[in-house]
C-alpha cells in the first residue's frame, strides 16, 4: 500500500483512507498511525471454548454445517481513530 501511495503521490487521509483491525502495536507507530477496530478477541475465544465444552458434555457429534442449528453471538467493536481516516 505504501509503495502505491508514494508512486501515485496520494496522501492519507486526503486522497485515500485506510483502516485496519485488531489494533496491533504497529498501527499506533508514527510512520503508520493507522485507524483500527478493536475486537474482543479474548471474549470470542472464551465463548468458543465454552461452546466446545458444552458440545462435549452433551456428547453431540458435530454435524455438517447445513444440518446444524445456528446461534450467533455479536460482539461490539470499537474504533481507535488515528490519522489514516478522516472523521465525518
C-alpha atoms as a PDB file:
ATOM      1  CA  UNK A   1       0.000   0.000   0.000  1.00  0.00           C
ATOM      2  CA  UNK A   2       2.786   2.413   0.901  1.00  0.00           C
ATOM      3  CA  UNK A   3       4.529   1.824  -2.420  1.00  0.00           C
ATOM      4  CA  UNK A   4       1.347   2.543  -4.396  1.00  0.00           C
ATOM      5  CA  UNK A   5       0.614   5.575  -2.243  1.00  0.00           C
ATOM      6  CA  UNK A   6       4.059   7.041  -2.909  1.00  0.00           C
ATOM      7  CA  UNK A   7       4.036   6.110  -6.607  1.00  0.00           C
ATOM      8  CA  UNK A   8       0.793   7.993  -7.180  1.00  0.00           C
ATOM      9  CA  UNK A   9       1.515  10.811  -4.690  1.00  0.00           C
ATOM     10  CA  UNK A  10      -1.524  10.003  -2.599  1.00  0.00           C
ATOM     11  CA  UNK A  11      -1.878  11.397   0.916  1.00  0.00           C
ATOM     12  CA  UNK A  12      -3.678   9.858   3.855  1.00  0.00           C
ATOM     13  CA  UNK A  13      -6.425  10.688   4.639  1.00  0.00           C
ATOM     14  CA  UNK A  14      -6.968  13.391   1.989  1.00  0.00           C
ATOM     15  CA  UNK A  15      -6.850  11.066  -1.033  1.00  0.00           C
ATOM     16  CA  UNK A  16      -7.007   7.620   0.494  1.00  0.00           C
ATOM     17  CA  UNK A  17      -8.460   6.236   3.723  1.00  0.00           C
ATOM     18  CA  UNK A  18      -7.062   3.036   5.197  1.00  0.00           C
ATOM     19  CA  UNK A  19      -8.388   1.129   8.164  1.00  0.00           C
ATOM     20  CA  UNK A  20      -7.078  -1.925   9.966  1.00  0.00           C
ATOM     21  CA  UNK A  21      -8.373  -4.289  12.596  1.00  0.00           C
ATOM     22  CA  UNK A  22      -7.161  -5.784  15.890  1.00  0.00           C
ATOM     23  CA  UNK A  23      -5.264  -2.602  16.832  1.00  0.00           C
ATOM     24  CA  UNK A  24      -1.823  -4.214  16.713  1.00  0.00           C
ATOM     25  CA  UNK A  25       1.020  -2.276  18.319  1.00  0.00           C
ATOM     26  CA  UNK A  26       2.497  -1.281  14.948  1.00  0.00           C
ATOM     27  CA  UNK A  27      -0.699   0.574  13.974  1.00  0.00           C
ATOM     28  CA  UNK A  28      -0.006   3.321  16.520  1.00  0.00           C
ATOM     29  CA  UNK A  29       3.562   3.998  15.394  1.00  0.00           C
ATOM     30  CA  UNK A  30       4.139   7.416  13.873  1.00  0.00           C
ATOM     31  CA  UNK A  31       5.015   6.207  10.349  1.00  0.00           C
ATOM     32  CA  UNK A  32       1.748   4.299  10.150  1.00  0.00           C
ATOM     33  CA  UNK A  33      -0.750   5.921  12.524  1.00  0.00           C
ATOM     34  CA  UNK A  34      -3.458   3.551  11.258  1.00  0.00           C
ATOM     35  CA  UNK A  35      -7.099   3.866  12.340  1.00  0.00           C
ATOM     36  CA  UNK A  36      -8.195   0.428  13.536  1.00  0.00           C
ATOM     37  CA  UNK A  37     -11.021  -1.578  15.026  1.00  0.00           C
ATOM     38  CA  UNK A  38     -10.586  -3.218  18.419  1.00  0.00           C
ATOM     39  CA  UNK A  39     -12.333  -6.554  18.694  1.00  0.00           C
ATOM     40  CA  UNK A  40     -12.873  -8.507  21.931  1.00  0.00           C
ATOM     41  CA  UNK A  41     -10.663 -11.408  20.850  1.00  0.00           C
ATOM     42  CA  UNK A  42     -10.282 -12.891  24.343  1.00  0.00           C
ATOM     43  CA  UNK A  43     -14.061 -12.956  24.856  1.00  0.00           C
ATOM     44  CA  UNK A  44     -14.566 -14.598  21.447  1.00  0.00           C
ATOM     45  CA  UNK A  45     -12.009 -17.272  22.342  1.00  0.00           C
ATOM     46  CA  UNK A  46     -13.588 -17.892  25.776  1.00  0.00           C
ATOM     47  CA  UNK A  47     -17.037 -18.238  24.207  1.00  0.00           C
ATOM     48  CA  UNK A  48     -15.723 -20.640  21.553  1.00  0.00           C
ATOM     49  CA  UNK A  49     -14.076 -22.848  24.183  1.00  0.00           C
ATOM     50  CA  UNK A  50     -17.228 -22.818  26.328  1.00  0.00           C
ATOM     51  CA  UNK A  51     -19.279 -23.839  23.291  1.00  0.00           C
ATOM     52  CA  UNK A  52     -16.918 -26.724  22.514  1.00  0.00           C
ATOM     53  CA  UNK A  53     -17.010 -27.918  26.121  1.00  0.00           C
ATOM     54  CA  UNK A  54     -20.823 -27.786  26.092  1.00  0.00           C
ATOM     55  CA  UNK A  55     -20.886 -29.888  22.916  1.00  0.00           C
ATOM     56  CA  UNK A  56     -18.583 -32.448  24.522  1.00  0.00           C
ATOM     57  CA  UNK A  57     -20.701 -32.589  27.689  1.00  0.00           C
ATOM     58  CA  UNK A  58     -23.831 -33.186  25.638  1.00  0.00           C
ATOM     59  CA  UNK A  59     -21.948 -35.832  23.650  1.00  0.00           C
ATOM     60  CA  UNK A  60     -23.331 -34.395  20.456  1.00  0.00           C
ATOM     61  CA  UNK A  61     -21.390 -35.203  17.351  1.00  0.00           C
ATOM     62  CA  UNK A  62     -20.613 -32.199  15.258  1.00  0.00           C
ATOM     63  CA  UNK A  63     -22.707 -32.340  12.124  1.00  0.00           C
ATOM     64  CA  UNK A  64     -22.198 -30.735   8.719  1.00  0.00           C
ATOM     65  CA  UNK A  65     -22.941 -27.021   8.756  1.00  0.00           C
ATOM     66  CA  UNK A  66     -26.175 -27.401   6.769  1.00  0.00           C
ATOM     67  CA  UNK A  67     -27.583 -29.706   9.490  1.00  0.00           C
ATOM     68  CA  UNK A  68     -26.619 -27.553  12.470  1.00  0.00           C
ATOM     69  CA  UNK A  69     -28.868 -25.275  14.424  1.00  0.00           C
ATOM     70  CA  UNK A  70     -27.277 -21.863  14.426  1.00  0.00           C
ATOM     71  CA  UNK A  71     -26.903 -19.474  17.278  1.00  0.00           C
ATOM     72  CA  UNK A  72     -24.980 -16.275  16.860  1.00  0.00           C
ATOM     73  CA  UNK A  73     -23.159 -14.065  19.264  1.00  0.00           C
ATOM     74  CA  UNK A  74     -22.474 -10.458  18.435  1.00  0.00           C
ATOM     75  CA  UNK A  75     -19.532  -8.609  19.844  1.00  0.00           C
ATOM     76  CA  UNK A  76     -19.166  -4.882  19.927  1.00  0.00           C
ATOM     77  CA  UNK A  77     -16.084  -3.483  18.255  1.00  0.00           C
ATOM     78  CA  UNK A  78     -14.756  -0.027  18.897  1.00  0.00           C
ATOM     79  CA  UNK A  79     -12.672   2.263  16.730  1.00  0.00           C
ATOM     80  CA  UNK A  80      -9.297   3.769  17.562  1.00  0.00           C
ATOM     81  CA  UNK A  81      -9.218   6.914  15.446  1.00  0.00           C
ATOM     82  CA  UNK A  82      -5.799   7.828  14.110  1.00  0.00           C
ATOM     83  CA  UNK A  83      -4.552   9.690  11.074  1.00  0.00           C
ATOM     84  CA  UNK A  84      -5.362   7.242   8.254  1.00  0.00           C
ATOM     85  CA  UNK A  85      -9.102   8.043   8.077  1.00  0.00           C
ATOM     86  CA  UNK A  86     -10.945  11.342   8.104  1.00  0.00           C
ATOM     87  CA  UNK A  87     -13.803  11.523  10.542  1.00  0.00           C
ATOM     88  CA  UNK A  88     -17.179  12.614   9.369  1.00  0.00           C
END
